[in-house]
């Protein structure tokens, strides 16, 4: 990753994310589902930052980059909703899933239809 233009705060933020994810994986080492969730979320966030930087710079095919950003944000939204909704009462869980679907739909509308 090239952090030259982004400075110390970006490097610090990414280092904090990496450290936090590593500690979460270490603490969850006996729960493979939690380890997979943290590793998947970390990978998706890292890819999201990569594609957002490409989008800002105008590198590559702009349509494919927008699609990658939308897919990654939708994936993260679905991942976090699937972890939060089961902890809530059933009606609130349904609301969490509806809000996640609405967010994904609004993101699609904003990226591709506007």
Protein backbone atom coordinates (compact mmCIF):
# COMPACT_ATOMS: atom_id res chain seq x y z
CA UNK A 1 0.00 0.00 0.00
CA UNK A 2 1.25 3.43 -0.88
CA UNK A 3 0.68 5.86 1.99
CA UNK A 4 2.98 8.61 0.67
CA UNK A 5 0.20 11.07 -0.05
CA UNK A 6 -1.89 10.23 2.98
CA UNK A 7 0.61 10.85 5.74
CA UNK A 8 1.13 9.66 9.24
CA UNK A 9 -2.52 9.58 10.33
CA UNK A 10 -3.45 7.11 7.61
CA UNK A 11 -0.53 4.88 8.51
CA UNK A 12 -1.48 5.09 12.17
CA UNK A 13 -5.12 4.28 11.43
CA UNK A 14 -4.23 1.27 9.30
CA UNK A 15 -1.73 0.07 11.93
CA UNK A 16 -4.43 0.42 14.61
CA UNK A 17 -6.90 -1.56 12.48
CA UNK A 18 -4.28 -4.27 11.93
CA UNK A 19 -3.37 -4.44 15.62
CA UNK A 20 -7.01 -4.52 16.71
CA UNK A 21 -7.85 -7.25 14.20
CA UNK A 22 -4.82 -9.30 15.26
CA UNK A 23 -5.80 -9.04 18.92
CA UNK A 24 -9.42 -9.96 18.12
CA UNK A 25 -8.26 -13.03 16.20
CA UNK A 26 -5.94 -14.00 19.06
CA UNK A 27 -8.72 -13.66 21.65
CA UNK A 28 -11.12 -15.63 19.44
CA UNK A 29 -8.67 -18.37 18.49
CA UNK A 30 -10.96 -21.04 20.00
CA UNK A 31 -13.96 -19.88 17.93
CA UNK A 32 -13.33 -20.45 14.20
CA UNK A 33 -16.47 -18.54 13.17
CA UNK A 34 -15.31 -15.41 15.00
CA UNK A 35 -11.81 -15.72 13.56
CA UNK A 36 -13.28 -16.03 10.06
CA UNK A 37 -15.52 -13.02 10.68
CA UNK A 38 -12.66 -10.79 11.87
CA UNK A 39 -10.33 -11.93 9.09
CA UNK A 40 -13.04 -11.44 6.47
CA UNK A 41 -13.94 -7.99 7.76
CA UNK A 42 -10.28 -6.96 7.89
CA UNK A 43 -9.72 -8.17 4.32
CA UNK A 44 -12.85 -6.43 3.07
CA UNK A 45 -11.88 -3.15 4.76
CA UNK A 46 -8.34 -3.33 3.35
CA UNK A 47 -9.72 -3.98 -0.15
CA UNK A 48 -12.26 -1.19 0.31
CA UNK A 49 -9.49 1.30 1.13
CA UNK A 50 -7.54 0.10 -1.91
CA UNK A 51 -10.48 0.60 -4.28
CA UNK A 52 -11.47 3.92 -2.70
CA UNK A 53 -7.95 5.20 -3.30
CA UNK A 54 -8.12 4.01 -6.92
CA UNK A 55 -11.49 5.73 -7.28
CA UNK A 56 -10.11 9.01 -5.87
CA UNK A 57 -7.14 8.91 -8.23
CA UNK A 58 -9.25 7.98 -11.26
CA UNK A 59 -7.16 4.87 -11.93
CA UNK A 60 -8.53 1.95 -13.92
CA UNK A 61 -12.09 1.46 -15.09
CA UNK A 62 -14.25 3.79 -13.01
CA UNK A 63 -17.37 1.62 -13.36
CA UNK A 64 -15.61 -1.52 -12.12
CA UNK A 65 -14.06 0.40 -9.24
CA UNK A 66 -17.49 1.74 -8.22
CA UNK A 67 -18.90 -1.79 -8.43
CA UNK A 68 -16.08 -3.14 -6.23
CA UNK A 69 -16.66 -0.38 -3.66
CA UNK A 70 -20.39 -1.05 -3.60
CA UNK A 71 -19.92 -4.83 -3.32
CA UNK A 72 -17.43 -4.48 -0.47
CA UNK A 73 -19.60 -2.02 1.47
CA UNK A 74 -22.63 -4.27 0.95
CA UNK A 75 -20.61 -7.27 2.12
CA UNK A 76 -19.50 -5.45 5.27
CA UNK A 77 -23.04 -4.25 5.97
CA UNK A 78 -24.40 -7.78 5.61
CA UNK A 79 -21.62 -9.24 7.74
CA UNK A 80 -22.20 -6.85 10.61
CA UNK A 81 -26.00 -7.12 10.37
CA UNK A 82 -25.73 -10.92 10.53
CA UNK A 83 -23.75 -10.62 13.77
CA UNK A 84 -25.96 -7.97 15.41
CA UNK A 85 -29.49 -9.11 14.43
CA UNK A 86 -29.43 -12.47 16.30
CA UNK A 87 -28.56 -10.65 19.53
CA UNK A 88 -31.69 -8.49 19.32
CA UNK A 89 -35.34 -9.32 19.98
CA UNK A 90 -36.93 -10.77 16.81
CA UNK A 91 -38.71 -7.56 15.75
CA UNK A 92 -35.55 -5.50 16.18
CA UNK A 93 -33.53 -8.18 14.34
CA UNK A 94 -35.87 -7.87 11.37
CA UNK A 95 -35.41 -4.10 11.52
CA UNK A 96 -31.62 -4.53 11.48
CA UNK A 97 -31.86 -6.68 8.34
CA UNK A 98 -34.28 -4.22 6.70
CA UNK A 99 -31.93 -1.33 7.44
CA UNK A 100 -28.99 -3.27 5.98
CA UNK A 101 -30.98 -4.01 2.83
CA UNK A 102 -32.07 -0.38 2.60
CA UNK A 103 -28.48 0.79 2.97
CA UNK A 104 -27.32 -1.55 0.21
CA UNK A 105 -30.17 -0.45 -2.03
CA UNK A 106 -29.54 3.24 -1.39
CA UNK A 107 -25.85 2.73 -2.11
CA UNK A 108 -26.68 1.04 -5.41
CA UNK A 109 -29.04 3.86 -6.32
CA UNK A 110 -26.46 6.54 -5.44
CA UNK A 111 -23.55 4.83 -7.23
CA UNK A 112 -25.20 3.53 -10.37
CA UNK A 113 -28.54 5.23 -10.97
CA UNK A 114 -27.73 8.84 -10.09
